[in-house]
PDB file of N, CA and C in Angstrom:
ATOM      1  N   UNK A   1       0.774  -1.267   0.025  1.00  0.00           N
ATOM      2  CA  UNK A   1      -0.297   0.205   0.120  1.00  0.00           C
ATOM      3  C   UNK A   1       0.824   1.274  -0.005  1.00  0.00           C
ATOM      4  N   UNK A   2       0.613   2.037  -0.745  1.00  0.00           N
ATOM      5  CA  UNK A   2       1.451   3.485  -0.822  1.00  0.00           C
ATOM      6  C   UNK A   2       1.176   4.277   0.422  1.00  0.00           C
ATOM      7  N   UNK A   3       2.564   4.958   0.946  1.00  0.00           N
ATOM      8  CA  UNK A   3       2.579   5.975   2.173  1.00  0.00           C
ATOM      9  C   UNK A   3       1.336   6.351   2.327  1.00  0.00           C
ATOM     10  N   UNK A   4       1.195   7.585   1.260  1.00  0.00           N
ATOM     11  CA  UNK A   4       0.297   8.454   1.203  1.00  0.00           C
ATOM     12  C   UNK A   4      -1.583   7.941   1.443  1.00  0.00           C
ATOM     13  N   UNK A   5      -1.549   6.705   1.079  1.00  0.00           N
ATOM     14  CA  UNK A   5      -2.922   6.040   1.530  1.00  0.00           C
ATOM     15  C   UNK A   5      -3.188   5.488   2.840  1.00  0.00           C
ATOM     16  N   UNK A   6      -2.237   5.183   3.289  1.00  0.00           N
ATOM     17  CA  UNK A   6      -1.941   4.377   4.913  1.00  0.00           C
ATOM     18  C   UNK A   6      -1.918   5.317   5.924  1.00  0.00           C
ATOM     19  N   UNK A   7      -1.927   6.655   5.445  1.00  0.00           N
ATOM     20  CA  UNK A   7      -2.062   7.777   6.423  1.00  0.00           C
ATOM     21  C   UNK A   7      -3.120   8.485   5.843  1.00  0.00           C
ATOM     22  N   UNK A   8      -3.911   7.897   5.469  1.00  0.00           N
ATOM     23  CA  UNK A   8      -5.384   9.002   5.101  1.00  0.00           C
ATOM     24  C   UNK A   8      -6.081   8.562   6.182  1.00  0.00           C
ATOM     25  N   UNK A   9      -6.488   9.412   6.727  1.00  0.00           N
ATOM     26  CA  UNK A   9      -7.743   9.357   7.933  1.00  0.00           C
ATOM     27  C   UNK A   9      -8.833  10.625   7.798  1.00  0.00           C
ATOM     28  N   UNK A  10      -9.993  10.599   8.508  1.00  0.00           N
ATOM     29  CA  UNK A  10     -10.638  11.650   8.984  1.00  0.00           C
ATOM     30  C   UNK A  10     -10.610  12.094  10.393  1.00  0.00           C
ATOM     31  N   UNK A  11     -10.417  12.930  10.588  1.00  0.00           N
ATOM     32  CA  UNK A  11     -10.344  13.654  12.445  1.00  0.00           C
ATOM     33  C   UNK A  11     -12.126  13.649  12.434  1.00  0.00           C
ATOM     34  N   UNK A  12     -12.473  13.521  13.803  1.00  0.00           N
ATOM     35  CA  UNK A  12     -14.133  13.677  14.177  1.00  0.00           C
ATOM     36  C   UNK A  12     -14.364  14.769  13.338  1.00  0.00           C
ATOM     37  N   UNK A  13     -13.406  15.892  13.208  1.00  0.00           N
ATOM     38  CA  UNK A  13     -14.047  17.674  12.786  1.00  0.00           C
ATOM     39  C   UNK A  13     -14.545  17.194  11.417  1.00  0.00           C
ATOM     40  N   UNK A  14     -13.357  16.703  10.548  1.00  0.00           N
ATOM     41  CA  UNK A  14     -13.609  16.897   9.198  1.00  0.00           C
ATOM     42  C   UNK A  14     -14.783  15.599   9.181  1.00  0.00           C
ATOM     43  N   UNK A  15     -14.704  14.753   9.493  1.00  0.00           N
ATOM     44  CA  UNK A  15     -15.741  13.531   9.383  1.00  0.00           C
ATOM     45  C   UNK A  15     -17.109  13.856   9.564  1.00  0.00           C
ATOM     46  N   UNK A  16     -17.432  15.084  10.938  1.00  0.00           N
ATOM     47  CA  UNK A  16     -18.557  15.910  11.165  1.00  0.00           C
ATOM     48  C   UNK A  16     -19.143  16.799   9.952  1.00  0.00           C
ATOM     49  N   UNK A  17     -18.102  17.403   9.588  1.00  0.00           N
ATOM     50  CA  UNK A  17     -18.396  18.403   8.726  1.00  0.00           C
ATOM     51  C   UNK A  17     -19.096  17.697   7.275  1.00  0.00           C
ATOM     52  N   UNK A  18     -18.191  16.731   6.641  1.00  0.00           N
ATOM     53  CA  UNK A  18     -18.533  15.772   5.664  1.00  0.00           C
ATOM     54  C   UNK A  18     -19.815  14.807   5.699  1.00  0.00           C
ATOM     55  N   UNK A  19     -20.199  14.683   6.857  1.00  0.00           N
ATOM     56  CA  UNK A  19     -21.698  14.463   7.140  1.00  0.00           C
ATOM     57  C   UNK A  19     -22.660  15.417   7.005  1.00  0.00           C
ATOM     58  N   UNK A  20     -22.216  16.507   7.217  1.00  0.00           N
ATOM     59  CA  UNK A  20     -23.416  17.689   6.878  1.00  0.00           C
ATOM     60  C   UNK A  20     -23.332  17.917   5.736  1.00  0.00           C
ATOM     61  N   UNK A  21     -22.144  17.897   4.907  1.00  0.00           N
ATOM     62  CA  UNK A  21     -22.058  18.542   3.524  1.00  0.00           C
ATOM     63  C   UNK A  21     -22.787  17.291   2.523  1.00  0.00           C
ATOM     64  N   UNK A  22     -22.891  15.774   2.636  1.00  0.00           N
ATOM     65  CA  UNK A  22     -23.662  14.849   2.197  1.00  0.00           C
ATOM     66  C   UNK A  22     -25.247  15.138   2.613  1.00  0.00           C
ATOM     67  N   UNK A  23     -25.518  15.548   3.773  1.00  0.00           N
ATOM     68  CA  UNK A  23     -27.031  15.690   4.326  1.00  0.00           C
ATOM     69  C   UNK A  23     -27.005  16.933   3.194  1.00  0.00           C
ATOM     70  N   UNK A  24     -26.299  18.026   3.084  1.00  0.00           N
ATOM     71  CA  UNK A  24     -26.993  18.944   2.396  1.00  0.00           C
ATOM     72  C   UNK A  24     -27.286  18.728   0.982  1.00  0.00           C
ATOM     73  N   UNK A  25     -26.182  18.025   0.510  1.00  0.00           N
ATOM     74  CA  UNK A  25     -26.066  17.585  -0.915  1.00  0.00           C
ATOM     75  C   UNK A  25     -27.326  16.633  -1.190  1.00  0.00           C
ATOM     76  N   UNK A  26     -27.758  15.866  -0.166  1.00  0.00           N
ATOM     77  CA  UNK A  26     -29.228  15.306  -0.591  1.00  0.00           C
ATOM     78  C   UNK A  26     -30.075  15.727  -0.447  1.00  0.00           C
ATOM     79  N   UNK A  27     -30.434  16.637   0.540  1.00  0.00           N
ATOM     80  CA  UNK A  27     -31.559  17.393   0.368  1.00  0.00           C
ATOM     81  C   UNK A  27     -31.584  18.569  -0.685  1.00  0.00           C
ATOM     82  N   UNK A  28     -30.651  18.684  -1.185  1.00  0.00           N
ATOM     83  CA  UNK A  28     -30.601  19.819  -2.704  1.00  0.00           C
ATOM     84  C   UNK A  28     -30.840  18.615  -3.733  1.00  0.00           C
ATOM     85  N   UNK A  29     -30.448  17.541  -4.074  1.00  0.00           N
ATOM     86  CA  UNK A  29     -30.819  16.342  -4.961  1.00  0.00           C
ATOM     87  C   UNK A  29     -32.529  16.245  -4.882  1.00  0.00           C
ATOM     88  N   UNK A  30     -32.861  15.810  -3.694  1.00  0.00           N
ATOM     89  CA  UNK A  30     -33.898  15.827  -3.283  1.00  0.00           C
ATOM     90  C   UNK A  30     -35.109  17.086  -3.858  1.00  0.00           C
ATOM     91  N   UNK A  31     -34.682  18.132  -3.857  1.00  0.00           N
ATOM     92  CA  UNK A  31     -35.269  19.630  -4.349  1.00  0.00           C
ATOM     93  C   UNK A  31     -35.186  19.653  -5.663  1.00  0.00           C
ATOM     94  N   UNK A  32     -33.843  19.066  -6.214  1.00  0.00           N
ATOM     95  CA  UNK A  32     -33.766  19.513  -7.799  1.00  0.00           C
ATOM     96  C   UNK A  32     -34.702  18.092  -8.247  1.00  0.00           C
ATOM     97  N   UNK A  33     -34.761  17.024  -8.120  1.00  0.00           N
ATOM     98  CA  UNK A  33     -35.596  15.915  -8.620  1.00  0.00           C
ATOM     99  C   UNK A  33     -37.145  16.163  -8.207  1.00  0.00           C
ATOM    100  N   UNK A  34     -37.490  16.883  -7.258  1.00  0.00           N
ATOM    101  CA  UNK A  34     -39.224  17.369  -7.188  1.00  0.00           C
ATOM    102  C   UNK A  34     -39.388  18.840  -8.135  1.00  0.00           C
ATOM    103  N   UNK A  35     -38.312  19.617  -8.326  1.00  0.00           N
ATOM    104  CA  UNK A  35     -38.460  20.349  -9.487  1.00  0.00           C
ATOM    105  C   UNK A  35     -38.755  19.878 -10.860  1.00  0.00           C
ATOM    106  N   UNK A  36     -38.657  18.804 -11.282  1.00  0.00           N
ATOM    107  CA  UNK A  36     -38.217  18.326 -12.800  1.00  0.00           C
ATOM    108  C   UNK A  36     -39.471  18.864 -13.396  1.00  0.00           C
ATOM    109  N   UNK A  37     -40.704  18.888 -12.895  1.00  0.00           N
ATOM    110  CA  UNK A  37     -41.627  19.352 -13.920  1.00  0.00           C
ATOM    111  C   UNK A  37     -41.630  20.511 -14.466  1.00  0.00           C
ATOM    112  N   UNK A  38     -41.192  20.958 -13.365  1.00  0.00           N
ATOM    113  CA  UNK A  38     -41.399  22.997 -13.636  1.00  0.00           C
ATOM    114  C   UNK A  38     -39.958  23.765 -14.014  1.00  0.00           C
ATOM    115  N   UNK A  39     -38.739  22.944 -14.164  1.00  0.00           N
ATOM    116  CA  UNK A  39     -37.554  23.672 -14.385  1.00  0.00           C
ATOM    117  C   UNK A  39     -36.625  22.583 -15.544  1.00  0.00           C
ATOM    118  N   UNK A  40     -36.421  23.201 -16.494  1.00  0.00           N
ATOM    119  CA  UNK A  40     -35.639  22.819 -17.362  1.00  0.00           C
ATOM    120  C   UNK A  40     -33.966  21.948 -16.851  1.00  0.00           C
ATOM    121  N   UNK A  41     -33.345  23.137 -16.081  1.00  0.00           N
ATOM    122  CA  UNK A  41     -32.228  22.713 -15.482  1.00  0.00           C
ATOM    123  C   UNK A  41     -31.872  21.928 -14.351  1.00  0.00           C
ATOM    124  N   UNK A  42     -33.113  21.232 -13.994  1.00  0.00           N
ATOM    125  CA  UNK A  42     -32.855  19.819 -12.520  1.00  0.00           C
ATOM    126  C   UNK A  42     -31.988  18.992 -13.129  1.00  0.00           C
ATOM    127  N   UNK A  43     -31.943  18.492 -14.345  1.00  0.00           N
ATOM    128  CA  UNK A  43     -30.651  17.452 -14.077  1.00  0.00           C
ATOM    129  C   UNK A  43     -29.732  17.688 -13.950  1.00  0.00           C
ATOM    130  N   UNK A  44     -29.044  19.105 -14.761  1.00  0.00           N
ATOM    131  CA  UNK A  44     -27.587  19.148 -14.198  1.00  0.00           C
ATOM    132  C   UNK A  44     -27.650  19.579 -12.831  1.00  0.00           C
ATOM    133  N   UNK A  45     -28.373  20.216 -12.296  1.00  0.00           N
ATOM    134  CA  UNK A  45     -28.066  20.111 -10.740  1.00  0.00           C
ATOM    135  C   UNK A  45     -28.156  18.756  -9.546  1.00  0.00           C
ATOM    136  N   UNK A  46     -29.548  17.827 -10.214  1.00  0.00           N
ATOM    137  CA  UNK A  46     -29.514  16.351  -9.512  1.00  0.00           C
ATOM    138  C   UNK A  46     -28.290  15.733 -10.032  1.00  0.00           C
ATOM    139  N   UNK A  47     -27.587  15.700 -11.069  1.00  0.00           N
ATOM    140  CA  UNK A  47     -26.182  15.238 -10.637  1.00  0.00           C
ATOM    141  C   UNK A  47     -25.138  15.761 -10.240  1.00  0.00           C
ATOM    142  N   UNK A  48     -25.167  17.167 -10.286  1.00  0.00           N
ATOM    143  CA  UNK A  48     -24.156  17.857  -9.314  1.00  0.00           C
ATOM    144  C   UNK A  48     -24.248  17.480  -7.747  1.00  0.00           C
ATOM    145  N   UNK A  49     -25.327  17.239  -7.615  1.00  0.00           N
ATOM    146  CA  UNK A  49     -25.960  17.289  -5.868  1.00  0.00           C
ATOM    147  C   UNK A  49     -25.768  15.884  -5.362  1.00  0.00           C
ATOM    148  N   UNK A  50     -26.117  14.829  -6.496  1.00  0.00           N
ATOM    149  CA  UNK A  50     -26.122  13.369  -6.548  1.00  0.00           C
ATOM    150  C   UNK A  50     -24.655  13.046  -6.266  1.00  0.00           C
ATOM    151  N   UNK A  51     -23.759  13.671  -7.177  1.00  0.00           N
ATOM    152  CA  UNK A  51     -22.238  13.320  -7.488  1.00  0.00           C
ATOM    153  C   UNK A  51     -21.600  13.501  -5.975  1.00  0.00           C
ATOM    154  N   UNK A  52     -22.040  14.848  -5.713  1.00  0.00           N
ATOM    155  CA  UNK A  52     -21.206  15.402  -4.304  1.00  0.00           C
ATOM    156  C   UNK A  52     -22.090  14.615  -2.583  1.00  0.00           C
ATOM    157  N   UNK A  53     -22.966  13.737  -3.158  1.00  0.00           N
ATOM    158  CA  UNK A  53     -23.585  13.106  -1.553  1.00  0.00           C
ATOM    159  C   UNK A  53     -22.468  11.772  -1.658  1.00  0.00           C
ATOM    160  N   UNK A  54     -22.951  11.352  -3.373  1.00  0.00           N
ATOM    161  CA  UNK A  54     -22.113   9.684  -3.612  1.00  0.00           C
ATOM    162  C   UNK A  54     -20.847  10.158  -3.176  1.00  0.00           C
ATOM    163  N   UNK A  55     -20.006  10.706  -3.794  1.00  0.00           N
ATOM    164  CA  UNK A  55     -18.325  10.932  -3.257  1.00  0.00           C
ATOM    165  C   UNK A  55     -18.209  11.112  -1.819  1.00  0.00           C
ATOM    166  N   UNK A  56     -18.874  12.005  -1.497  1.00  0.00           N
ATOM    167  CA  UNK A  56     -18.982  12.108   0.410  1.00  0.00           C
ATOM    168  C   UNK A  56     -19.300  10.768   0.929  1.00  0.00           C
ATOM    169  N   UNK A  57     -20.086   9.999   0.548  1.00  0.00           N
ATOM    170  CA  UNK A  57     -20.363   8.697   1.169  1.00  0.00           C
ATOM    171  C   UNK A  57     -19.862   7.663   0.822  1.00  0.00           C
ATOM    172  N   UNK A  58     -19.060   7.625  -0.418  1.00  0.00           N
ATOM    173  CA  UNK A  58     -17.962   6.927  -0.264  1.00  0.00           C
ATOM    174  C   UNK A  58     -16.914   7.183   0.375  1.00  0.00           C
ATOM    175  N   UNK A  59     -16.422   8.542   0.942  1.00  0.00           N
ATOM    176  CA  UNK A  59     -15.375   8.631   1.951  1.00  0.00           C
ATOM    177  C   UNK A  59     -15.400   8.238   3.139  1.00  0.00           C
ATOM    178  N   UNK A  60     -16.927   8.574   3.614  1.00  0.00           N
ATOM    179  CA  UNK A  60     -17.252   8.322   4.588  1.00  0.00           C
ATOM    180  C   UNK A  60     -17.302   6.746   5.129  1.00  0.00           C
ATOM    181  N   UNK A  61     -17.578   6.350   3.956  1.00  0.00           N
ATOM    182  CA  UNK A  61     -17.455   4.401   4.427  1.00  0.00           C
ATOM    183  C   UNK A  61     -16.260   3.781   4.527  1.00  0.00           C
ATOM    184  N   UNK A  62     -15.449   4.503   3.570  1.00  0.00           N
ATOM    185  CA  UNK A  62     -13.898   3.461   3.482  1.00  0.00           C
ATOM    186  C   UNK A  62     -12.676   4.390   3.520  1.00  0.00           C
ATOM    187  N   UNK A  63     -12.908   6.061   4.263  1.00  0.00           N
ATOM    188  CA  UNK A  63     -11.701   6.446   5.211  1.00  0.00           C
ATOM    189  C   UNK A  63     -11.817   6.073   6.271  1.00  0.00           C
ATOM    190  N   UNK A  64     -10.996   5.576   7.234  1.00  0.00           N
ATOM    191  CA  UNK A  64     -11.061   5.353   8.897  1.00  0.00           C
ATOM    192  C   UNK A  64     -11.066   6.626   9.340  1.00  0.00           C
ATOM    193  N   UNK A  65     -11.958   6.558  10.729  1.00  0.00           N
ATOM    194  CA  UNK A  65     -11.853   7.898  11.501  1.00  0.00           C
ATOM    195  C   UNK A  65     -10.840   7.921  12.615  1.00  0.00           C
ATOM    196  N   UNK A  66      -9.934   9.105  12.669  1.00  0.00           N
ATOM    197  CA  UNK A  66      -8.687   8.538  13.425  1.00  0.00           C
ATOM    198  C   UNK A  66      -9.537   9.344  14.743  1.00  0.00           C
ATOM    199  N   UNK A  67      -9.395   9.014  16.167  1.00  0.00           N
ATOM    200  CA  UNK A  67      -9.947   9.966  16.879  1.00  0.00           C
ATOM    201  C   UNK A  67      -9.177   9.858  18.465  1.00  0.00           C
TER     202      UNK A  67
END
């Protein structure tokens, strides 16, 4: 394993901030999804917020928390 991956971890503060970002991105994804009938740009916003939430959840799932 490369050395930079061995030292990769989340602190409690960065983990908490990431959880908040994921929750807010998920909320905005849901809001964009609900606006699909009235707004033509909903797909772009849904993809953007969905990818942010997805990447954030992957980081939370696979990067260990150091505390």
